[in-house]
């Protein structure tokens, strides 16, 4: 079971990026998924999550209204559409699987068991 995040890059303030999280193996369909981000010297912070039933999404206050998490169980497990990007969104972004099957996701890194390698997003002013 492996996750691989992609889609990061360097953009200017106000632009958009779409992150994707590809998975090997099939052990994701019944698990909630999340995105986190981290900057050097700071803890990894929650960005967004989506439940395994696809019925609910959760967002950090800092990205609410600008970011959208979605998933298609048949293909890429989770994507993160990021609009109206700001310099403070600059970070390495990680996708992760919440480790409890058939459970709604948490909003801290605790409980997520598989992590992608991260993709760097840089937003310049």
N, C-alpha and C. Protein backbone atom coordinates (compact mmCIF):
# COMPACT_ATOMS: atom_id res chain seq x y z
N UNK A 1 0.85 -1.19 0.00
CA UNK A 1 0.00 0.00 0.00
C UNK A 1 0.89 1.24 0.00
N UNK A 2 0.76 2.04 -1.04
CA UNK A 2 1.56 3.27 -1.11
C UNK A 2 0.71 4.39 -1.65
N UNK A 3 1.00 5.60 -1.18
CA UNK A 3 0.35 6.80 -1.67
C UNK A 3 1.40 7.71 -2.29
N UNK A 4 1.01 8.37 -3.35
CA UNK A 4 1.93 9.31 -3.98
C UNK A 4 1.18 10.57 -4.35
N UNK A 5 1.61 11.67 -3.76
CA UNK A 5 1.00 12.96 -4.04
C UNK A 5 1.73 13.64 -5.20
N UNK A 6 0.97 14.37 -5.99
CA UNK A 6 1.54 15.09 -7.12
C UNK A 6 0.72 16.35 -7.38
N UNK A 7 1.25 17.21 -8.23
CA UNK A 7 0.51 18.39 -8.63
C UNK A 7 1.01 19.68 -8.02
N UNK A 8 1.99 19.58 -7.14
CA UNK A 8 2.52 20.79 -6.54
C UNK A 8 3.30 21.62 -7.55
N UNK A 9 3.64 22.83 -7.16
CA UNK A 9 4.39 23.70 -8.02
C UNK A 9 4.50 25.09 -7.44
N UNK A 10 4.98 25.99 -8.25
CA UNK A 10 5.14 27.39 -7.84
C UNK A 10 4.15 28.25 -8.59
N UNK A 11 3.35 29.00 -7.85
CA UNK A 11 2.35 29.88 -8.46
C UNK A 11 2.34 31.21 -7.74
N UNK A 12 1.67 32.16 -8.34
CA UNK A 12 1.53 33.48 -7.72
C UNK A 12 0.23 33.54 -6.91
N UNK A 13 0.18 34.47 -6.03
CA UNK A 13 -1.00 34.68 -5.20
C UNK A 13 -2.25 34.78 -6.07
N UNK A 14 -3.28 34.08 -5.63
CA UNK A 14 -4.55 34.12 -6.32
C UNK A 14 -4.75 33.04 -7.36
N UNK A 15 -3.69 32.34 -7.69
CA UNK A 15 -3.81 31.28 -8.68
C UNK A 15 -4.26 29.98 -8.03
N UNK A 16 -4.38 28.94 -8.88
CA UNK A 16 -4.90 27.65 -8.42
C UNK A 16 -3.93 26.52 -8.71
N UNK A 17 -4.06 25.48 -7.92
CA UNK A 17 -3.36 24.22 -8.15
C UNK A 17 -4.30 23.08 -7.78
N UNK A 18 -4.06 21.96 -8.40
CA UNK A 18 -4.85 20.77 -8.08
C UNK A 18 -3.89 19.65 -7.72
N UNK A 19 -4.00 19.19 -6.52
CA UNK A 19 -3.16 18.09 -6.06
C UNK A 19 -3.90 16.77 -6.22
N UNK A 20 -3.16 15.76 -6.57
CA UNK A 20 -3.73 14.42 -6.70
C UNK A 20 -2.95 13.45 -5.84
N UNK A 21 -3.63 12.41 -5.43
CA UNK A 21 -3.02 11.39 -4.60
C UNK A 21 -3.31 10.04 -5.22
N UNK A 22 -2.30 9.43 -5.78
CA UNK A 22 -2.46 8.12 -6.39
C UNK A 22 -2.11 7.05 -5.39
N UNK A 23 -2.76 5.92 -5.53
CA UNK A 23 -2.55 4.84 -4.58
C UNK A 23 -2.27 3.53 -5.29
N UNK A 24 -1.38 2.79 -4.74
CA UNK A 24 -1.18 1.42 -5.20
C UNK A 24 -1.91 0.51 -4.23
N UNK A 25 -2.40 -0.60 -4.72
CA UNK A 25 -3.18 -1.46 -3.86
C UNK A 25 -4.63 -0.98 -3.82
N UNK A 26 -5.48 -1.76 -3.25
CA UNK A 26 -6.90 -1.45 -3.25
C UNK A 26 -7.44 -1.18 -1.86
N UNK A 27 -6.56 -0.98 -0.91
CA UNK A 27 -6.98 -0.83 0.48
C UNK A 27 -7.29 0.62 0.81
N UNK A 28 -8.14 1.27 0.00
CA UNK A 28 -8.50 2.66 0.27
C UNK A 28 -9.99 2.91 0.17
N UNK A 29 -10.71 2.03 -0.47
CA UNK A 29 -12.11 2.31 -0.76
C UNK A 29 -12.93 2.60 0.49
N UNK A 30 -12.68 1.91 1.54
CA UNK A 30 -13.51 2.04 2.73
C UNK A 30 -12.82 2.81 3.84
N UNK A 31 -11.88 3.63 3.45
CA UNK A 31 -11.15 4.44 4.43
C UNK A 31 -11.33 5.92 4.10
N UNK A 32 -11.45 6.72 5.13
CA UNK A 32 -11.44 8.15 4.93
C UNK A 32 -10.03 8.60 4.57
N UNK A 33 -9.96 9.74 3.88
CA UNK A 33 -8.68 10.24 3.41
C UNK A 33 -8.51 11.70 3.80
N UNK A 34 -7.27 12.12 3.93
CA UNK A 34 -7.03 13.50 4.32
C UNK A 34 -5.81 14.09 3.64
N UNK A 35 -5.75 15.42 3.71
CA UNK A 35 -4.57 16.17 3.26
C UNK A 35 -4.05 16.97 4.45
N UNK A 36 -2.75 16.97 4.57
CA UNK A 36 -2.07 17.76 5.58
C UNK A 36 -0.98 18.57 4.91
N UNK A 37 -0.44 19.53 5.62
CA UNK A 37 0.68 20.30 5.08
C UNK A 37 1.66 20.62 6.21
N UNK A 38 2.88 20.89 5.79
CA UNK A 38 3.92 21.16 6.78
C UNK A 38 4.96 22.10 6.20
N UNK A 39 5.35 23.04 7.02
CA UNK A 39 6.46 23.93 6.68
C UNK A 39 7.60 23.63 7.63
N UNK A 40 8.84 23.91 7.21
CA UNK A 40 9.99 23.60 8.07
C UNK A 40 9.86 24.27 9.44
N UNK A 41 10.11 23.48 10.47
CA UNK A 41 10.09 24.02 11.82
C UNK A 41 8.73 24.04 12.48
N UNK A 42 7.72 23.61 11.73
CA UNK A 42 6.37 23.60 12.30
C UNK A 42 5.79 22.20 12.22
N UNK A 43 4.76 21.99 13.03
CA UNK A 43 4.11 20.69 13.03
C UNK A 43 3.26 20.54 11.77
N UNK A 44 3.03 19.31 11.43
CA UNK A 44 2.16 19.01 10.30
C UNK A 44 0.74 19.40 10.69
N UNK A 45 0.08 20.11 9.81
CA UNK A 45 -1.26 20.59 10.13
C UNK A 45 -2.30 20.07 9.17
N UNK A 46 -3.48 19.91 9.70
CA UNK A 46 -4.62 19.42 8.94
C UNK A 46 -5.06 20.46 7.91
N UNK A 47 -5.40 19.98 6.72
CA UNK A 47 -5.93 20.84 5.68
C UNK A 47 -7.37 20.47 5.35
N UNK A 48 -7.59 19.20 5.00
CA UNK A 48 -8.93 18.77 4.59
C UNK A 48 -9.03 17.26 4.70
N UNK A 49 -10.26 16.78 4.81
CA UNK A 49 -10.49 15.34 4.85
C UNK A 49 -11.85 15.04 4.27
N UNK A 50 -12.00 13.81 3.81
CA UNK A 50 -13.26 13.37 3.24
C UNK A 50 -13.56 11.99 3.78
N UNK A 51 -14.82 11.75 4.10
CA UNK A 51 -15.19 10.48 4.70
C UNK A 51 -15.19 9.36 3.68
N UNK A 52 -15.10 8.16 4.18
CA UNK A 52 -15.04 7.00 3.30
C UNK A 52 -16.33 6.82 2.51
N UNK A 53 -17.46 7.33 3.03
CA UNK A 53 -18.73 7.24 2.31
C UNK A 53 -18.94 8.39 1.34
N UNK A 54 -17.99 9.31 1.32
CA UNK A 54 -18.02 10.48 0.43
C UNK A 54 -19.13 11.45 0.78
N UNK A 55 -19.68 11.33 1.97
CA UNK A 55 -20.82 12.18 2.30
C UNK A 55 -20.42 13.47 2.99
N UNK A 56 -19.26 13.48 3.60
CA UNK A 56 -18.87 14.65 4.38
C UNK A 56 -17.43 15.04 4.10
N UNK A 57 -17.19 16.33 4.15
CA UNK A 57 -15.84 16.86 4.03
C UNK A 57 -15.55 17.78 5.21
N UNK A 58 -14.29 17.92 5.52
CA UNK A 58 -13.86 18.74 6.64
C UNK A 58 -12.70 19.61 6.17
N UNK A 59 -12.65 20.83 6.65
CA UNK A 59 -11.61 21.76 6.23
C UNK A 59 -11.07 22.53 7.42
N UNK A 60 -9.79 22.85 7.34
CA UNK A 60 -9.23 23.80 8.29
C UNK A 60 -9.84 25.17 8.01
N UNK A 61 -10.01 25.95 9.02
CA UNK A 61 -10.61 27.28 8.84
C UNK A 61 -9.81 28.12 7.85
N UNK A 62 -8.52 27.92 7.82
CA UNK A 62 -7.66 28.74 6.97
C UNK A 62 -7.86 28.48 5.48
N UNK A 63 -8.45 27.34 5.13
CA UNK A 63 -8.63 27.01 3.71
C UNK A 63 -10.09 26.90 3.31
N UNK A 64 -10.97 27.01 4.27
CA UNK A 64 -12.39 26.85 3.99
C UNK A 64 -12.85 27.89 2.98
N UNK A 65 -13.58 27.42 1.97
CA UNK A 65 -14.05 28.31 0.93
C UNK A 65 -13.09 28.47 -0.23
N UNK A 66 -11.87 28.02 -0.06
CA UNK A 66 -10.87 28.13 -1.12
C UNK A 66 -10.42 26.76 -1.63
N UNK A 67 -10.38 25.78 -0.75
CA UNK A 67 -9.94 24.44 -1.11
C UNK A 67 -11.13 23.49 -1.15
N UNK A 68 -11.03 22.49 -2.04
CA UNK A 68 -12.07 21.47 -2.13
C UNK A 68 -11.41 20.10 -2.23
N UNK A 69 -11.81 19.23 -1.34
CA UNK A 69 -11.33 17.85 -1.38
C UNK A 69 -12.39 16.98 -2.02
N UNK A 70 -11.96 16.03 -2.83
CA UNK A 70 -12.90 15.14 -3.47
C UNK A 70 -12.20 13.81 -3.74
N UNK A 71 -13.00 12.83 -4.04
CA UNK A 71 -12.41 11.53 -4.36
C UNK A 71 -13.34 10.72 -5.23
N UNK A 72 -12.74 9.83 -5.98
CA UNK A 72 -13.46 8.88 -6.80
C UNK A 72 -12.92 7.52 -6.41
N UNK A 73 -13.74 6.72 -5.81
CA UNK A 73 -13.26 5.45 -5.29
C UNK A 73 -12.74 4.55 -6.39
N UNK A 74 -13.17 4.81 -7.61
CA UNK A 74 -12.74 3.91 -8.69
C UNK A 74 -11.37 4.27 -9.22
N UNK A 75 -10.93 5.51 -8.97
CA UNK A 75 -9.66 5.94 -9.55
C UNK A 75 -8.77 6.56 -8.48
N UNK A 76 -8.26 7.75 -8.75
CA UNK A 76 -7.43 8.42 -7.77
C UNK A 76 -8.19 8.58 -6.47
N UNK A 77 -7.60 8.19 -5.38
CA UNK A 77 -8.36 8.19 -4.14
C UNK A 77 -8.75 9.56 -3.63
N UNK A 78 -7.94 10.58 -3.85
CA UNK A 78 -8.31 11.87 -3.31
C UNK A 78 -7.59 12.99 -4.06
N UNK A 79 -8.30 14.08 -4.31
CA UNK A 79 -7.70 15.26 -4.91
C UNK A 79 -7.98 16.47 -4.03
N UNK A 80 -7.18 17.47 -4.20
CA UNK A 80 -7.35 18.72 -3.46
C UNK A 80 -7.24 19.87 -4.45
N UNK A 81 -8.37 20.50 -4.71
CA UNK A 81 -8.40 21.67 -5.57
C UNK A 81 -8.15 22.89 -4.70
N UNK A 82 -7.11 23.63 -5.03
CA UNK A 82 -6.73 24.79 -4.22
C UNK A 82 -6.87 26.05 -5.06
N UNK A 83 -7.78 26.91 -4.69
CA UNK A 83 -8.01 28.16 -5.39
C UNK A 83 -7.62 29.33 -4.50
N UNK A 84 -7.45 30.46 -5.13
CA UNK A 84 -7.13 31.70 -4.41
C UNK A 84 -5.97 31.48 -3.45
N UNK A 85 -4.91 30.92 -3.96
CA UNK A 85 -3.78 30.58 -3.11
C UNK A 85 -3.11 31.82 -2.54
N UNK A 86 -2.58 31.65 -1.35
CA UNK A 86 -1.92 32.74 -0.63
C UNK A 86 -0.51 32.31 -0.26
N UNK A 87 0.36 33.24 0.00
CA UNK A 87 1.73 32.88 0.41
C UNK A 87 1.75 31.98 1.64
N UNK A 88 0.80 32.15 2.54
CA UNK A 88 0.79 31.32 3.74
C UNK A 88 0.36 29.88 3.46
N UNK A 89 -0.06 29.59 2.24
CA UNK A 89 -0.36 28.21 1.85
C UNK A 89 0.90 27.45 1.44
N UNK A 90 2.00 28.15 1.35
CA UNK A 90 3.26 27.50 0.97
C UNK A 90 3.63 26.44 1.98
N UNK A 91 3.84 25.21 1.50
CA UNK A 91 4.13 24.08 2.37
C UNK A 91 4.34 22.84 1.52
N UNK A 92 4.78 21.79 2.16
CA UNK A 92 4.75 20.47 1.55
C UNK A 92 3.41 19.84 1.93
N UNK A 93 2.69 19.37 0.95
CA UNK A 93 1.37 18.81 1.15
C UNK A 93 1.44 17.29 1.07
N UNK A 94 0.76 16.65 2.04
CA UNK A 94 0.76 15.19 2.14
C UNK A 94 -0.67 14.67 2.10
N UNK A 95 -0.87 13.61 1.35
CA UNK A 95 -2.12 12.89 1.46
C UNK A 95 -1.92 11.71 2.40
N UNK A 96 -2.99 11.29 3.02
CA UNK A 96 -2.87 10.23 4.00
C UNK A 96 -4.18 9.47 4.13
N UNK A 97 -4.06 8.22 4.54
CA UNK A 97 -5.22 7.39 4.78
C UNK A 97 -5.50 7.32 6.28
N UNK A 98 -6.75 7.56 6.64
CA UNK A 98 -7.13 7.40 8.03
C UNK A 98 -7.18 5.92 8.34
N UNK A 99 -6.52 5.50 9.43
CA UNK A 99 -6.23 4.10 9.63
C UNK A 99 -7.36 3.21 10.08
N UNK A 100 -8.52 3.77 10.41
CA UNK A 100 -9.63 2.94 10.88
C UNK A 100 -10.66 2.78 9.78
N UNK A 101 -10.89 1.56 9.38
CA UNK A 101 -11.83 1.30 8.29
C UNK A 101 -13.25 1.67 8.72
N UNK A 102 -14.01 2.19 7.77
CA UNK A 102 -15.41 2.57 7.99
C UNK A 102 -15.58 3.63 9.09
N UNK A 103 -14.57 4.45 9.28
CA UNK A 103 -14.67 5.49 10.29
C UNK A 103 -14.45 6.86 9.67
N UNK A 104 -15.11 7.87 10.22
CA UNK A 104 -14.90 9.22 9.76
C UNK A 104 -13.51 9.70 10.19
N UNK A 105 -12.92 10.60 9.44
CA UNK A 105 -11.52 10.95 9.67
C UNK A 105 -11.31 11.88 10.85
N UNK A 106 -10.10 11.86 11.35
CA UNK A 106 -9.71 12.82 12.36
C UNK A 106 -9.09 14.03 11.69
N UNK A 107 -8.80 15.04 12.50
CA UNK A 107 -8.20 16.27 11.97
C UNK A 107 -6.82 16.51 12.53
N UNK A 108 -6.23 15.48 13.07
CA UNK A 108 -4.83 15.54 13.49
C UNK A 108 -4.10 14.38 12.80
N UNK A 109 -2.77 14.47 12.69
CA UNK A 109 -2.03 13.38 12.04
C UNK A 109 -2.19 12.03 12.75
N UNK A 110 -2.50 12.09 14.03
CA UNK A 110 -2.69 10.85 14.77
C UNK A 110 -3.86 10.07 14.18
N UNK A 111 -3.65 8.83 13.91
CA UNK A 111 -4.71 7.99 13.38
C UNK A 111 -4.59 7.74 11.89
N UNK A 112 -3.77 8.51 11.22
CA UNK A 112 -3.52 8.28 9.80
C UNK A 112 -2.31 7.35 9.69
N UNK A 113 -2.48 6.29 8.93
CA UNK A 113 -1.45 5.26 8.94
C UNK A 113 -0.57 5.22 7.69
N UNK A 114 -1.09 5.61 6.56
CA UNK A 114 -0.27 5.65 5.35
C UNK A 114 -0.20 7.08 4.83
N UNK A 115 1.02 7.47 4.45
CA UNK A 115 1.27 8.84 4.00
C UNK A 115 1.99 8.82 2.67
N UNK A 116 1.61 9.77 1.82
CA UNK A 116 2.36 9.97 0.60
C UNK A 116 3.66 10.68 0.90
N UNK A 117 4.50 10.83 -0.11
CA UNK A 117 5.81 11.40 0.09
C UNK A 117 5.79 12.92 0.16
N UNK A 118 4.69 13.52 -0.22
CA UNK A 118 4.59 14.98 -0.16
C UNK A 118 4.88 15.64 -1.48
N UNK A 119 4.20 16.76 -1.71
CA UNK A 119 4.43 17.55 -2.90
C UNK A 119 4.50 19.02 -2.48
N UNK A 120 5.48 19.73 -2.98
CA UNK A 120 5.74 21.10 -2.54
C UNK A 120 4.87 22.10 -3.30
N UNK A 121 4.23 22.95 -2.54
CA UNK A 121 3.45 24.06 -3.09
C UNK A 121 4.10 25.36 -2.61
N UNK A 122 4.43 26.21 -3.56
CA UNK A 122 5.04 27.50 -3.24
C UNK A 122 4.20 28.60 -3.86
N UNK A 123 3.76 29.52 -3.03
CA UNK A 123 2.93 30.63 -3.49
C UNK A 123 3.68 31.92 -3.22
N UNK A 124 3.92 32.66 -4.27
CA UNK A 124 4.66 33.90 -4.15
C UNK A 124 3.72 35.10 -4.29
N UNK A 125 4.08 36.15 -3.62
CA UNK A 125 3.24 37.35 -3.65
C UNK A 125 3.60 38.25 -4.82
